[in-house]
Structures are given as structure tokens and as C-alpha cells.
């Protein structure tokens, strides 16, 4: 199961939060953004229980204000 976790972070905490997210098992990629969402973490989990644990671990990081998660239903590879 693939999901994207949108993370809102306290001011000036982005680098620390990214460092901590990178240590969580199941996190495959991390993107830092502009706008109202500060970070997107691409997460891979075996099931909903595992995904819930990953999200819980992200929420427990100091500086994280909140998360919003999107589960991927289908994917398509595009070349070119």
C-alpha cells in the first residue's frame, strides 16, 4: 500500500522534522514544499495497521503541527 502524508510544521522546524521523518521505517521519499503544506512523505506499508503506526510516528515528532494522508488507489507510469 502506497500513501502520501502531508505534514504541517512549526516555523523553522522543517530541517529537524525532515531528519526525523527520514528515520521512520516505511518512508520512501520526502519532499519539502512551499505553501500551506510543508512536507510530503511518500510512505509504503503492508497494511492499514502499519500505515497507522507510520503516521503516528510522524505526528509524534517535535515540530509537527498536523498531518493529512492520501492513500494511492492506482498508479500509472509515464515515460517521456
PDB file of N, CA and C in Angstrom:
ATOM      1  N   UNK A   1       0.846  -1.162   0.000  1.00  0.00           N
ATOM      2  CA  UNK A   1       0.000   0.000   0.000  1.00  0.00           C
ATOM      3  C   UNK A   1       0.895   1.230   0.000  1.00  0.00           C
ATOM      4  N   UNK A   2       0.550   2.176  -0.859  1.00  0.00           N
ATOM      5  CA  UNK A   2       1.320   3.409  -1.002  1.00  0.00           C
ATOM      6  C   UNK A   2       0.460   4.574  -0.544  1.00  0.00           C
ATOM      7  N   UNK A   3       1.068   5.503   0.196  1.00  0.00           N
ATOM      8  CA  UNK A   3       0.340   6.677   0.677  1.00  0.00           C
ATOM      9  C   UNK A   3       1.270   7.884   0.681  1.00  0.00           C
ATOM     10  N   UNK A   4       0.656   9.055   0.649  1.00  0.00           N
ATOM     11  CA  UNK A   4       1.383  10.312   0.786  1.00  0.00           C
ATOM     12  C   UNK A   4       0.879  10.999   2.048  1.00  0.00           C
ATOM     13  N   UNK A   5       1.807  11.349   2.932  1.00  0.00           N
ATOM     14  CA  UNK A   5       1.455  12.020   4.178  1.00  0.00           C
ATOM     15  C   UNK A   5       1.870  13.482   4.051  1.00  0.00           C
ATOM     16  N   UNK A   6       0.883  14.380   4.093  1.00  0.00           N
ATOM     17  CA  UNK A   6       1.127  15.816   4.041  1.00  0.00           C
ATOM     18  C   UNK A   6       1.356  16.282   5.477  1.00  0.00           C
ATOM     19  N   UNK A   7       2.446  17.008   5.696  1.00  0.00           N
ATOM     20  CA  UNK A   7       2.842  17.383   7.051  1.00  0.00           C
ATOM     21  C   UNK A   7       2.951  18.905   7.165  1.00  0.00           C
ATOM     22  N   UNK A   8       2.298  19.458   8.188  1.00  0.00           N
ATOM     23  CA  UNK A   8       2.429  20.873   8.519  1.00  0.00           C
ATOM     24  C   UNK A   8       3.397  20.987   9.696  1.00  0.00           C
ATOM     25  N   UNK A   9       4.332  21.946   9.573  1.00  0.00           N
ATOM     26  CA  UNK A   9       5.441  22.028  10.520  1.00  0.00           C
ATOM     27  C   UNK A   9       5.524  23.439  11.110  1.00  0.00           C
ATOM     28  N   UNK A  10       5.926  23.524  12.377  1.00  0.00           N
ATOM     29  CA  UNK A  10       6.165  24.814  13.016  1.00  0.00           C
ATOM     30  C   UNK A  10       7.288  25.547  12.287  1.00  0.00           C
ATOM     31  N   UNK A  11       7.238  26.866  12.333  1.00  0.00           N
ATOM     32  CA  UNK A  11       8.247  27.710  11.700  1.00  0.00           C
ATOM     33  C   UNK A  11       9.647  27.321  12.179  1.00  0.00           C
ATOM     34  N   UNK A  12      10.570  27.251  11.233  1.00  0.00           N
ATOM     35  CA  UNK A  12      11.984  26.952  11.490  1.00  0.00           C
ATOM     36  C   UNK A  12      12.250  25.545  12.021  1.00  0.00           C
ATOM     37  N   UNK A  13      11.302  24.634  11.874  1.00  0.00           N
ATOM     38  CA  UNK A  13      11.497  23.255  12.338  1.00  0.00           C
ATOM     39  C   UNK A  13      11.602  22.266  11.168  1.00  0.00           C
ATOM     40  N   UNK A  14      11.521  22.762   9.941  1.00  0.00           N
ATOM     41  CA  UNK A  14      11.476  21.891   8.771  1.00  0.00           C
ATOM     42  C   UNK A  14      12.635  20.919   8.666  1.00  0.00           C
ATOM     43  N   UNK A  15      13.848  21.408   8.806  1.00  0.00           N
ATOM     44  CA  UNK A  15      15.029  20.542   8.656  1.00  0.00           C
ATOM     45  C   UNK A  15      15.050  19.441   9.706  1.00  0.00           C
ATOM     46  N   UNK A  16      14.707  19.795  10.930  1.00  0.00           N
ATOM     47  CA  UNK A  16      14.698  18.805  12.014  1.00  0.00           C
ATOM     48  C   UNK A  16      13.623  17.753  11.778  1.00  0.00           C
ATOM     49  N   UNK A  17      12.445  18.199  11.359  1.00  0.00           N
ATOM     50  CA  UNK A  17      11.345  17.265  11.113  1.00  0.00           C
ATOM     51  C   UNK A  17      11.696  16.328   9.959  1.00  0.00           C
ATOM     52  N   UNK A  18      12.270  16.862   8.894  1.00  0.00           N
ATOM     53  CA  UNK A  18      12.681  16.029   7.758  1.00  0.00           C
ATOM     54  C   UNK A  18      13.687  14.976   8.216  1.00  0.00           C
ATOM     55  N   UNK A  19      14.640  15.386   9.025  1.00  0.00           N
ATOM     56  CA  UNK A  19      15.645  14.448   9.529  1.00  0.00           C
ATOM     57  C   UNK A  19      14.998  13.317  10.321  1.00  0.00           C
ATOM     58  N   UNK A  20      14.026  13.644  11.156  1.00  0.00           N
ATOM     59  CA  UNK A  20      13.355  12.628  11.967  1.00  0.00           C
ATOM     60  C   UNK A  20      12.455  11.728  11.116  1.00  0.00           C
ATOM     61  N   UNK A  21      11.747  12.313  10.155  1.00  0.00           N
ATOM     62  CA  UNK A  21      10.893  11.507   9.271  1.00  0.00           C
ATOM     63  C   UNK A  21      11.733  10.500   8.495  1.00  0.00           C
ATOM     64  N   UNK A  22      12.921  10.911   8.079  1.00  0.00           N
ATOM     65  CA  UNK A  22      13.782  10.029   7.278  1.00  0.00           C
ATOM     66  C   UNK A  22      14.206   8.774   8.042  1.00  0.00           C
ATOM     67  N   UNK A  23      14.095   8.783   9.356  1.00  0.00           N
ATOM     68  CA  UNK A  23      14.479   7.640  10.184  1.00  0.00           C
ATOM     69  C   UNK A  23      13.354   6.623  10.360  1.00  0.00           C
ATOM     70  N   UNK A  24      12.151   6.962   9.915  1.00  0.00           N
ATOM     71  CA  UNK A  24      10.992   6.099  10.133  1.00  0.00           C
ATOM     72  C   UNK A  24      10.931   5.022   9.056  1.00  0.00           C
ATOM     73  N   UNK A  25      10.847   3.780   9.485  1.00  0.00           N
ATOM     74  CA  UNK A  25      10.742   2.659   8.550  1.00  0.00           C
ATOM     75  C   UNK A  25       9.447   2.779   7.752  1.00  0.00           C
ATOM     76  N   UNK A  26       9.551   2.606   6.445  1.00  0.00           N
ATOM     77  CA  UNK A  26       8.397   2.702   5.566  1.00  0.00           C
ATOM     78  C   UNK A  26       8.355   3.991   4.770  1.00  0.00           C
ATOM     79  N   UNK A  27       9.105   5.008   5.209  1.00  0.00           N
ATOM     80  CA  UNK A  27       9.171   6.268   4.468  1.00  0.00           C
ATOM     81  C   UNK A  27      10.133   6.071   3.301  1.00  0.00           C
ATOM     82  N   UNK A  28       9.659   6.311   2.085  1.00  0.00           N
ATOM     83  CA  UNK A  28      10.463   6.070   0.879  1.00  0.00           C
ATOM     84  C   UNK A  28      11.053   7.343   0.282  1.00  0.00           C
ATOM     85  N   UNK A  29      10.317   8.451   0.345  1.00  0.00           N
ATOM     86  CA  UNK A  29      10.787   9.727  -0.198  1.00  0.00           C
ATOM     87  C   UNK A  29      10.200  10.848   0.645  1.00  0.00           C
ATOM     88  N   UNK A  30      10.929  11.982   0.692  1.00  0.00           N
ATOM     89  CA  UNK A  30      10.462  13.154   1.424  1.00  0.00           C
ATOM     90  C   UNK A  30      10.659  14.372   0.530  1.00  0.00           C
ATOM     91  N   UNK A  31       9.632  15.203   0.464  1.00  0.00           N
ATOM     92  CA  UNK A  31       9.678  16.423  -0.331  1.00  0.00           C
ATOM     93  C   UNK A  31       9.378  17.620   0.561  1.00  0.00           C
ATOM     94  N   UNK A  32      10.196  18.672   0.465  1.00  0.00           N
ATOM     95  CA  UNK A  32       9.923  19.922   1.170  1.00  0.00           C
ATOM     96  C   UNK A  32       9.270  20.872   0.182  1.00  0.00           C
ATOM     97  N   UNK A  33       8.201  21.543   0.600  1.00  0.00           N
ATOM     98  CA  UNK A  33       7.368  22.326  -0.302  1.00  0.00           C
ATOM     99  C   UNK A  33       7.209  23.766   0.154  1.00  0.00           C
ATOM    100  N   UNK A  34       6.678  24.588  -0.760  1.00  0.00           N
ATOM    101  CA  UNK A  34       6.178  25.903  -0.400  1.00  0.00           C
ATOM    102  C   UNK A  34       4.671  25.789  -0.218  1.00  0.00           C
ATOM    103  N   UNK A  35       4.067  26.767   0.434  1.00  0.00           N
ATOM    104  CA  UNK A  35       2.616  26.761   0.596  1.00  0.00           C
ATOM    105  C   UNK A  35       2.189  26.294   1.972  1.00  0.00           C
ATOM    106  N   UNK A  36       0.920  25.914   2.092  1.00  0.00           N
ATOM    107  CA  UNK A  36       0.371  25.564   3.403  1.00  0.00           C
ATOM    108  C   UNK A  36       0.770  24.170   3.881  1.00  0.00           C
ATOM    109  N   UNK A  37       1.252  23.330   2.992  1.00  0.00           N
ATOM    110  CA  UNK A  37       1.813  22.023   3.359  1.00  0.00           C
ATOM    111  C   UNK A  37       3.330  22.144   3.258  1.00  0.00           C
ATOM    112  N   UNK A  38       4.030  21.801   4.315  1.00  0.00           N
ATOM    113  CA  UNK A  38       5.481  21.992   4.361  1.00  0.00           C
ATOM    114  C   UNK A  38       6.272  20.802   3.833  1.00  0.00           C
ATOM    115  N   UNK A  39       5.762  19.590   4.080  1.00  0.00           N
ATOM    116  CA  UNK A  39       6.478  18.364   3.727  1.00  0.00           C
ATOM    117  C   UNK A  39       5.476  17.336   3.221  1.00  0.00           C
ATOM    118  N   UNK A  40       5.889  16.575   2.201  1.00  0.00           N
ATOM    119  CA  UNK A  40       5.138  15.383   1.800  1.00  0.00           C
ATOM    120  C   UNK A  40       6.072  14.189   1.956  1.00  0.00           C
ATOM    121  N   UNK A  41       5.599  13.173   2.659  1.00  0.00           N
ATOM    122  CA  UNK A  41       6.353  11.927   2.807  1.00  0.00           C
ATOM    123  C   UNK A  41       5.643  10.836   2.015  1.00  0.00           C
ATOM    124  N   UNK A  42       6.377  10.209   1.111  1.00  0.00           N
ATOM    125  CA  UNK A  42       5.859   9.049   0.378  1.00  0.00           C
ATOM    126  C   UNK A  42       6.128   7.829   1.244  1.00  0.00           C
ATOM    127  N   UNK A  43       5.063   7.101   1.566  1.00  0.00           N
ATOM    128  CA  UNK A  43       5.139   6.018   2.543  1.00  0.00           C
ATOM    129  C   UNK A  43       4.650   4.720   1.919  1.00  0.00           C
ATOM    130  N   UNK A  44       5.344   3.630   2.223  1.00  0.00           N
ATOM    131  CA  UNK A  44       4.930   2.299   1.781  1.00  0.00           C
ATOM    132  C   UNK A  44       4.681   1.435   3.014  1.00  0.00           C
ATOM    133  N   UNK A  45       3.499   0.816   3.063  1.00  0.00           N
ATOM    134  CA  UNK A  45       3.127  -0.018   4.208  1.00  0.00           C
ATOM    135  C   UNK A  45       2.473  -1.300   3.717  1.00  0.00           C
ATOM    136  N   UNK A  46       2.567  -2.350   4.517  1.00  0.00           N
ATOM    137  CA  UNK A  46       1.963  -3.640   4.165  1.00  0.00           C
ATOM    138  C   UNK A  46       0.448  -3.624   4.316  1.00  0.00           C
ATOM    139  N   UNK A  47      -0.049  -2.840   5.296  1.00  0.00           N
ATOM    140  CA  UNK A  47      -1.485  -2.828   5.585  1.00  0.00           C
ATOM    141  C   UNK A  47      -1.842  -1.548   6.337  1.00  0.00           C
ATOM    142  N   UNK A  48      -3.127  -1.397   6.677  1.00  0.00           N
ATOM    143  CA  UNK A  48      -3.595  -0.193   7.356  1.00  0.00           C
ATOM    144  C   UNK A  48      -2.990  -0.042   8.751  1.00  0.00           C
ATOM    145  N   UNK A  49      -2.794  -1.138   9.455  1.00  0.00           N
ATOM    146  CA  UNK A  49      -2.189  -1.051  10.790  1.00  0.00           C
ATOM    147  C   UNK A  49      -0.779  -0.480  10.715  1.00  0.00           C
ATOM    148  N   UNK A  50      -0.005  -0.969   9.760  1.00  0.00           N
ATOM    149  CA  UNK A  50       1.362  -0.475   9.594  1.00  0.00           C
ATOM    150  C   UNK A  50       1.351   0.994   9.183  1.00  0.00           C
ATOM    151  N   UNK A  51       0.448   1.362   8.275  1.00  0.00           N
ATOM    152  CA  UNK A  51       0.337   2.756   7.853  1.00  0.00           C
ATOM    153  C   UNK A  51      -0.024   3.644   9.042  1.00  0.00           C
ATOM    154  N   UNK A  52      -0.948   3.201   9.860  1.00  0.00           N
ATOM    155  CA  UNK A  52      -1.347   3.969  11.049  1.00  0.00           C
ATOM    156  C   UNK A  52      -0.170   4.201  11.984  1.00  0.00           C
ATOM    157  N   UNK A  53       0.680   3.195  12.151  1.00  0.00           N
ATOM    158  CA  UNK A  53       1.858   3.330  13.014  1.00  0.00           C
ATOM    159  C   UNK A  53       2.839   4.354  12.450  1.00  0.00           C
ATOM    160  N   UNK A  54       3.026   4.328  11.136  1.00  0.00           N
ATOM    161  CA  UNK A  54       3.929   5.288  10.497  1.00  0.00           C
ATOM    162  C   UNK A  54       3.405   6.705  10.699  1.00  0.00           C
ATOM    163  N   UNK A  55       2.115   6.899  10.458  1.00  0.00           N
ATOM    164  CA  UNK A  55       1.512   8.224  10.635  1.00  0.00           C
ATOM    165  C   UNK A  55       1.630   8.670  12.091  1.00  0.00           C
ATOM    166  N   UNK A  56       1.367   7.773  13.024  1.00  0.00           N
ATOM    167  CA  UNK A  56       1.504   8.092  14.448  1.00  0.00           C
ATOM    168  C   UNK A  56       2.928   8.546  14.758  1.00  0.00           C
ATOM    169  N   UNK A  57       3.920   7.832  14.229  1.00  0.00           N
ATOM    170  CA  UNK A  57       5.322   8.192  14.468  1.00  0.00           C
ATOM    171  C   UNK A  57       5.656   9.564  13.906  1.00  0.00           C
ATOM    172  N   UNK A  58       5.105   9.897  12.751  1.00  0.00           N
ATOM    173  CA  UNK A  58       5.324  11.230  12.179  1.00  0.00           C
ATOM    174  C   UNK A  58       4.686  12.287  13.074  1.00  0.00           C
ATOM    175  N   UNK A  59       3.470  12.056  13.520  1.00  0.00           N
ATOM    176  CA  UNK A  59       2.761  13.031  14.366  1.00  0.00           C
ATOM    177  C   UNK A  59       3.453  13.270  15.703  1.00  0.00           C
ATOM    178  N   UNK A  60       4.202  12.289  16.176  1.00  0.00           N
ATOM    179  CA  UNK A  60       4.885  12.402  17.465  1.00  0.00           C
ATOM    180  C   UNK A  60       6.173  13.221  17.393  1.00  0.00           C
ATOM    181  N   UNK A  61       6.632  13.565  16.206  1.00  0.00           N
ATOM    182  CA  UNK A  61       7.877  14.321  16.051  1.00  0.00           C
ATOM    183  C   UNK A  61       7.667  15.753  16.534  1.00  0.00           C
ATOM    184  N   UNK A  62       8.593  16.230  17.344  1.00  0.00           N
ATOM    185  CA  UNK A  62       8.530  17.612  17.817  1.00  0.00           C
ATOM    186  C   UNK A  62       8.565  18.563  16.621  1.00  0.00           C
ATOM    187  N   UNK A  63       7.646  19.503  16.583  1.00  0.00           N
ATOM    188  CA  UNK A  63       7.580  20.474  15.499  1.00  0.00           C
ATOM    189  C   UNK A  63       6.496  20.180  14.484  1.00  0.00           C
ATOM    190  N   UNK A  64       5.937  18.974  14.511  1.00  0.00           N
ATOM    191  CA  UNK A  64       4.845  18.627  13.594  1.00  0.00           C
ATOM    192  C   UNK A  64       3.543  19.178  14.165  1.00  0.00           C
ATOM    193  N   UNK A  65       2.863  19.998  13.368  1.00  0.00           N
ATOM    194  CA  UNK A  65       1.589  20.585  13.793  1.00  0.00           C
ATOM    195  C   UNK A  65       0.406  19.699  13.431  1.00  0.00           C
ATOM    196  N   UNK A  66       0.541  18.945  12.342  1.00  0.00           N
ATOM    197  CA  UNK A  66      -0.547  18.077  11.929  1.00  0.00           C
ATOM    198  C   UNK A  66      -0.216  17.359  10.636  1.00  0.00           C
ATOM    199  N   UNK A  67      -1.016  16.344  10.321  1.00  0.00           N
ATOM    200  CA  UNK A  67      -0.823  15.577   9.091  1.00  0.00           C
ATOM    201  C   UNK A  67      -2.161  15.365   8.398  1.00  0.00           C
ATOM    202  N   UNK A  68      -2.071  15.063   7.123  1.00  0.00           N
ATOM    203  CA  UNK A  68      -3.226  14.693   6.306  1.00  0.00           C
ATOM    204  C   UNK A  68      -2.713  13.627   5.343  1.00  0.00           C
ATOM    205  N   UNK A  69      -3.400  12.516   5.224  1.00  0.00           N
ATOM    206  CA  UNK A  69      -2.887  11.376   4.461  1.00  0.00           C
ATOM    207  C   UNK A  69      -3.780  11.055   3.279  1.00  0.00           C
ATOM    208  N   UNK A  70      -3.149  10.721   2.152  1.00  0.00           N
ATOM    209  CA  UNK A  70      -3.837  10.270   0.948  1.00  0.00           C
ATOM    210  C   UNK A  70      -3.297   8.896   0.579  1.00  0.00           C
ATOM    211  N   UNK A  71      -4.194   7.915   0.455  1.00  0.00           N
ATOM    212  CA  UNK A  71      -3.818   6.559   0.067  1.00  0.00           C
ATOM    213  C   UNK A  71      -3.973   6.424  -1.441  1.00  0.00           C
ATOM    214  N   UNK A  72      -2.960   5.868  -2.089  1.00  0.00           N
ATOM    215  CA  UNK A  72      -2.970   5.689  -3.541  1.00  0.00           C
ATOM    216  C   UNK A  72      -3.859   4.500  -3.894  1.00  0.00           C
ATOM    217  N   UNK A  73      -4.814   4.725  -4.795  1.00  0.00           N
ATOM    218  CA  UNK A  73      -5.703   3.658  -5.260  1.00  0.00           C
ATOM    219  C   UNK A  73      -5.161   2.974  -6.511  1.00  0.00           C
ATOM    220  N   UNK A  74      -4.482   3.747  -7.365  1.00  0.00           N
ATOM    221  CA  UNK A  74      -3.911   3.206  -8.601  1.00  0.00           C
ATOM    222  C   UNK A  74      -2.743   4.087  -9.010  1.00  0.00           C
ATOM    223  N   UNK A  75      -1.812   3.527  -9.760  1.00  0.00           N
ATOM    224  CA  UNK A  75      -0.677   4.306 -10.254  1.00  0.00           C
ATOM    225  C   UNK A  75      -0.451   4.010 -11.726  1.00  0.00           C
ATOM    226  N   UNK A  76       0.158   4.961 -12.412  1.00  0.00           N
ATOM    227  CA  UNK A  76       0.435   4.852 -13.836  1.00  0.00           C
ATOM    228  C   UNK A  76       1.820   5.403 -14.093  1.00  0.00           C
ATOM    229  N   UNK A  77       2.662   4.658 -14.765  1.00  0.00           N
ATOM    230  CA  UNK A  77       3.988   5.139 -15.132  1.00  0.00           C
ATOM    231  C   UNK A  77       3.903   5.831 -16.480  1.00  0.00           C
ATOM    232  N   UNK A  78       4.502   7.016 -16.554  1.00  0.00           N
ATOM    233  CA  UNK A  78       4.502   7.796 -17.788  1.00  0.00           C
ATOM    234  C   UNK A  78       5.946   8.037 -18.186  1.00  0.00           C
ATOM    235  N   UNK A  79       6.290   7.701 -19.408  1.00  0.00           N
ATOM    236  CA  UNK A  79       7.646   7.928 -19.899  1.00  0.00           C
ATOM    237  C   UNK A  79       7.635   9.090 -20.874  1.00  0.00           C
ATOM    238  N   UNK A  80       8.761   9.798 -20.897  1.00  0.00           N
ATOM    239  CA  UNK A  80       8.877  10.781 -21.934  1.00  0.00           C
ATOM    240  C   UNK A  80       9.080  12.134 -21.520  1.00  0.00           C
TER     241      UNK A  80
END
